[in-house]
């Protein structure tokens, strides 16, 4: 699943760690951002086969490519 700008780093999903509040405030709605992050975290936790690809995360893109090759 392409997460686009819903989250920037893959580790943010597993750690449920949003960017600093100032950053999310600049993006618009901090509460909505955090809610989306929680939903992505729950989806990842509950669906072992689900691969979530944040569009700004090189490490996730590499893992996705490695996963796709298998």
N, C-alpha and C. Protein backbone atom coordinates (compact mmCIF):
# COMPACT_ATOMS: atom_id res chain seq x y z
N UNK A 1 0.85 -1.16 0.00
CA UNK A 1 0.00 0.00 0.00
C UNK A 1 0.90 1.23 0.00
N UNK A 2 0.64 2.14 -0.90
CA UNK A 2 1.40 3.39 -0.96
C UNK A 2 0.81 4.37 0.05
N UNK A 3 1.63 4.78 1.01
CA UNK A 3 1.16 5.68 2.06
C UNK A 3 1.30 7.15 1.65
N UNK A 4 2.01 7.41 0.57
CA UNK A 4 2.21 8.78 0.07
C UNK A 4 2.69 9.69 1.19
N UNK A 5 2.00 10.80 1.43
CA UNK A 5 2.42 11.74 2.46
C UNK A 5 1.75 11.50 3.81
N UNK A 6 1.01 10.41 3.94
CA UNK A 6 0.36 10.11 5.21
C UNK A 6 1.38 9.83 6.31
N UNK A 7 2.54 9.39 5.91
CA UNK A 7 3.65 9.16 6.84
C UNK A 7 4.94 9.24 6.03
N UNK A 8 5.99 9.75 6.62
CA UNK A 8 7.22 9.95 5.86
C UNK A 8 8.19 8.79 5.97
N UNK A 9 8.27 8.16 7.13
CA UNK A 9 9.23 7.09 7.36
C UNK A 9 8.54 5.81 7.79
N UNK A 10 9.02 4.70 7.29
CA UNK A 10 8.45 3.41 7.66
C UNK A 10 8.55 3.14 9.15
N UNK A 11 9.66 3.55 9.77
CA UNK A 11 9.80 3.30 11.20
C UNK A 11 8.80 4.11 12.02
N UNK A 12 8.28 5.18 11.46
CA UNK A 12 7.25 5.95 12.16
C UNK A 12 6.00 5.11 12.35
N UNK A 13 5.73 4.23 11.39
CA UNK A 13 4.55 3.36 11.49
C UNK A 13 4.73 2.34 12.61
N UNK A 14 5.87 1.66 12.62
CA UNK A 14 6.09 0.63 13.64
C UNK A 14 6.25 1.22 15.03
N UNK A 15 6.81 2.43 15.11
CA UNK A 15 7.01 3.07 16.41
C UNK A 15 5.86 4.00 16.80
N UNK A 16 4.89 4.16 15.90
CA UNK A 16 3.80 5.12 16.11
C UNK A 16 4.35 6.47 16.52
N UNK A 17 5.35 6.90 15.80
CA UNK A 17 6.07 8.13 16.14
C UNK A 17 5.85 9.19 15.07
N UNK A 18 5.02 10.18 15.36
CA UNK A 18 4.78 11.24 14.38
C UNK A 18 5.95 12.22 14.37
N UNK A 19 6.03 13.04 13.34
CA UNK A 19 7.03 14.10 13.36
C UNK A 19 6.69 15.09 14.48
N UNK A 20 7.60 16.00 14.78
CA UNK A 20 7.30 16.98 15.82
C UNK A 20 5.99 17.73 15.53
N UNK A 21 5.32 18.14 16.58
CA UNK A 21 4.03 18.82 16.46
C UNK A 21 4.12 20.05 15.56
N UNK A 22 5.23 20.76 15.62
CA UNK A 22 5.40 21.93 14.76
C UNK A 22 5.32 21.54 13.28
N UNK A 23 5.93 20.41 12.94
CA UNK A 23 5.90 19.94 11.55
C UNK A 23 4.48 19.59 11.14
N UNK A 24 3.78 18.83 11.96
CA UNK A 24 2.41 18.45 11.58
C UNK A 24 1.49 19.67 11.58
N UNK A 25 1.77 20.65 12.44
CA UNK A 25 0.96 21.88 12.43
C UNK A 25 1.15 22.63 11.11
N UNK A 26 2.36 22.62 10.59
CA UNK A 26 2.61 23.27 9.30
C UNK A 26 1.92 22.53 8.17
N UNK A 27 1.75 21.22 8.33
CA UNK A 27 1.09 20.42 7.30
C UNK A 27 -0.42 20.62 7.32
N UNK A 28 -0.95 21.07 8.43
CA UNK A 28 -2.39 21.28 8.49
C UNK A 28 -3.01 20.82 9.78
N UNK A 29 -3.46 19.59 9.85
CA UNK A 29 -4.27 19.10 10.96
C UNK A 29 -3.50 18.03 11.74
N UNK A 30 -2.88 18.44 12.85
CA UNK A 30 -2.07 17.52 13.66
C UNK A 30 -2.89 16.34 14.15
N UNK A 31 -4.10 16.58 14.60
CA UNK A 31 -4.93 15.49 15.13
C UNK A 31 -5.23 14.46 14.04
N UNK A 32 -5.56 14.93 12.85
CA UNK A 32 -5.86 14.01 11.74
C UNK A 32 -4.61 13.24 11.33
N UNK A 33 -3.46 13.90 11.32
CA UNK A 33 -2.22 13.22 10.98
C UNK A 33 -1.96 12.07 11.95
N UNK A 34 -2.11 12.36 13.24
CA UNK A 34 -1.86 11.33 14.26
C UNK A 34 -2.87 10.19 14.15
N UNK A 35 -4.11 10.51 13.84
CA UNK A 35 -5.13 9.47 13.67
C UNK A 35 -4.78 8.58 12.48
N UNK A 36 -4.33 9.19 11.40
CA UNK A 36 -3.94 8.41 10.22
C UNK A 36 -2.75 7.52 10.54
N UNK A 37 -1.77 8.06 11.25
CA UNK A 37 -0.61 7.27 11.65
C UNK A 37 -1.04 6.07 12.50
N UNK A 38 -1.96 6.28 13.42
CA UNK A 38 -2.47 5.18 14.24
C UNK A 38 -3.16 4.12 13.40
N UNK A 39 -3.94 4.55 12.42
CA UNK A 39 -4.62 3.58 11.53
C UNK A 39 -3.61 2.78 10.72
N UNK A 40 -2.58 3.45 10.22
CA UNK A 40 -1.53 2.73 9.48
C UNK A 40 -0.81 1.74 10.38
N UNK A 41 -0.54 2.15 11.61
CA UNK A 41 0.14 1.25 12.56
C UNK A 41 -0.72 0.02 12.86
N UNK A 42 -2.00 0.23 13.07
CA UNK A 42 -2.91 -0.89 13.33
C UNK A 42 -3.00 -1.81 12.12
N UNK A 43 -3.08 -1.23 10.93
CA UNK A 43 -3.15 -2.05 9.71
C UNK A 43 -1.90 -2.89 9.55
N UNK A 44 -0.74 -2.30 9.80
CA UNK A 44 0.52 -3.03 9.68
C UNK A 44 0.61 -4.14 10.72
N UNK A 45 0.16 -3.86 11.91
CA UNK A 45 0.23 -4.83 13.00
C UNK A 45 -0.71 -6.02 12.76
N UNK A 46 -1.89 -5.73 12.24
CA UNK A 46 -2.93 -6.76 12.10
C UNK A 46 -2.85 -7.53 10.78
N UNK A 47 -2.04 -7.08 9.85
CA UNK A 47 -1.96 -7.70 8.52
C UNK A 47 -0.50 -7.96 8.17
N UNK A 48 -0.01 -9.12 8.55
CA UNK A 48 1.40 -9.44 8.35
C UNK A 48 1.86 -9.41 6.91
N UNK A 49 0.97 -9.62 5.97
CA UNK A 49 1.34 -9.61 4.56
C UNK A 49 1.27 -8.22 3.94
N UNK A 50 0.76 -7.25 4.67
CA UNK A 50 0.61 -5.90 4.16
C UNK A 50 1.96 -5.18 4.16
N UNK A 51 2.34 -4.63 3.04
CA UNK A 51 3.54 -3.82 2.93
C UNK A 51 3.10 -2.38 2.72
N UNK A 52 3.52 -1.50 3.62
CA UNK A 52 3.17 -0.07 3.51
C UNK A 52 4.41 0.68 3.07
N UNK A 53 4.28 1.42 1.99
CA UNK A 53 5.41 2.13 1.42
C UNK A 53 5.20 3.64 1.51
N UNK A 54 5.87 4.30 2.49
CA UNK A 54 5.84 5.75 2.53
C UNK A 54 6.65 6.31 1.35
N UNK A 55 6.11 7.28 0.66
CA UNK A 55 6.76 7.74 -0.57
C UNK A 55 8.06 8.49 -0.35
N UNK A 56 8.39 8.89 0.88
CA UNK A 56 9.62 9.63 1.15
C UNK A 56 10.67 8.80 1.87
N UNK A 57 10.47 7.50 2.00
CA UNK A 57 11.37 6.66 2.81
C UNK A 57 12.19 5.72 1.93
N UNK A 58 13.46 6.04 1.78
CA UNK A 58 14.35 5.23 0.95
C UNK A 58 14.51 3.82 1.52
N UNK A 59 14.58 3.70 2.85
CA UNK A 59 14.75 2.38 3.47
C UNK A 59 13.54 1.49 3.19
N UNK A 60 12.35 2.04 3.27
CA UNK A 60 11.14 1.27 2.98
C UNK A 60 11.08 0.89 1.51
N UNK A 61 11.50 1.79 0.64
CA UNK A 61 11.51 1.50 -0.80
C UNK A 61 12.46 0.35 -1.10
N UNK A 62 13.62 0.35 -0.43
CA UNK A 62 14.57 -0.74 -0.64
C UNK A 62 13.99 -2.07 -0.16
N UNK A 63 13.39 -2.07 1.03
CA UNK A 63 12.78 -3.29 1.55
C UNK A 63 11.64 -3.75 0.64
N UNK A 64 10.87 -2.81 0.12
CA UNK A 64 9.79 -3.15 -0.79
C UNK A 64 10.35 -3.81 -2.05
N UNK A 65 11.42 -3.25 -2.59
CA UNK A 65 12.06 -3.84 -3.77
C UNK A 65 12.61 -5.22 -3.49
N UNK A 66 13.22 -5.39 -2.32
CA UNK A 66 13.75 -6.70 -1.93
C UNK A 66 12.61 -7.70 -1.75
N UNK A 67 11.52 -7.24 -1.13
CA UNK A 67 10.35 -8.11 -0.91
C UNK A 67 9.72 -8.51 -2.24
N UNK A 68 9.65 -7.56 -3.15
CA UNK A 68 9.04 -7.80 -4.47
C UNK A 68 9.87 -8.79 -5.28
N UNK A 69 11.19 -8.79 -5.08
CA UNK A 69 12.07 -9.67 -5.82
C UNK A 69 11.94 -11.13 -5.38
N UNK A 70 11.45 -11.33 -4.14
CA UNK A 70 11.33 -12.71 -3.61
C UNK A 70 10.11 -13.32 -4.09
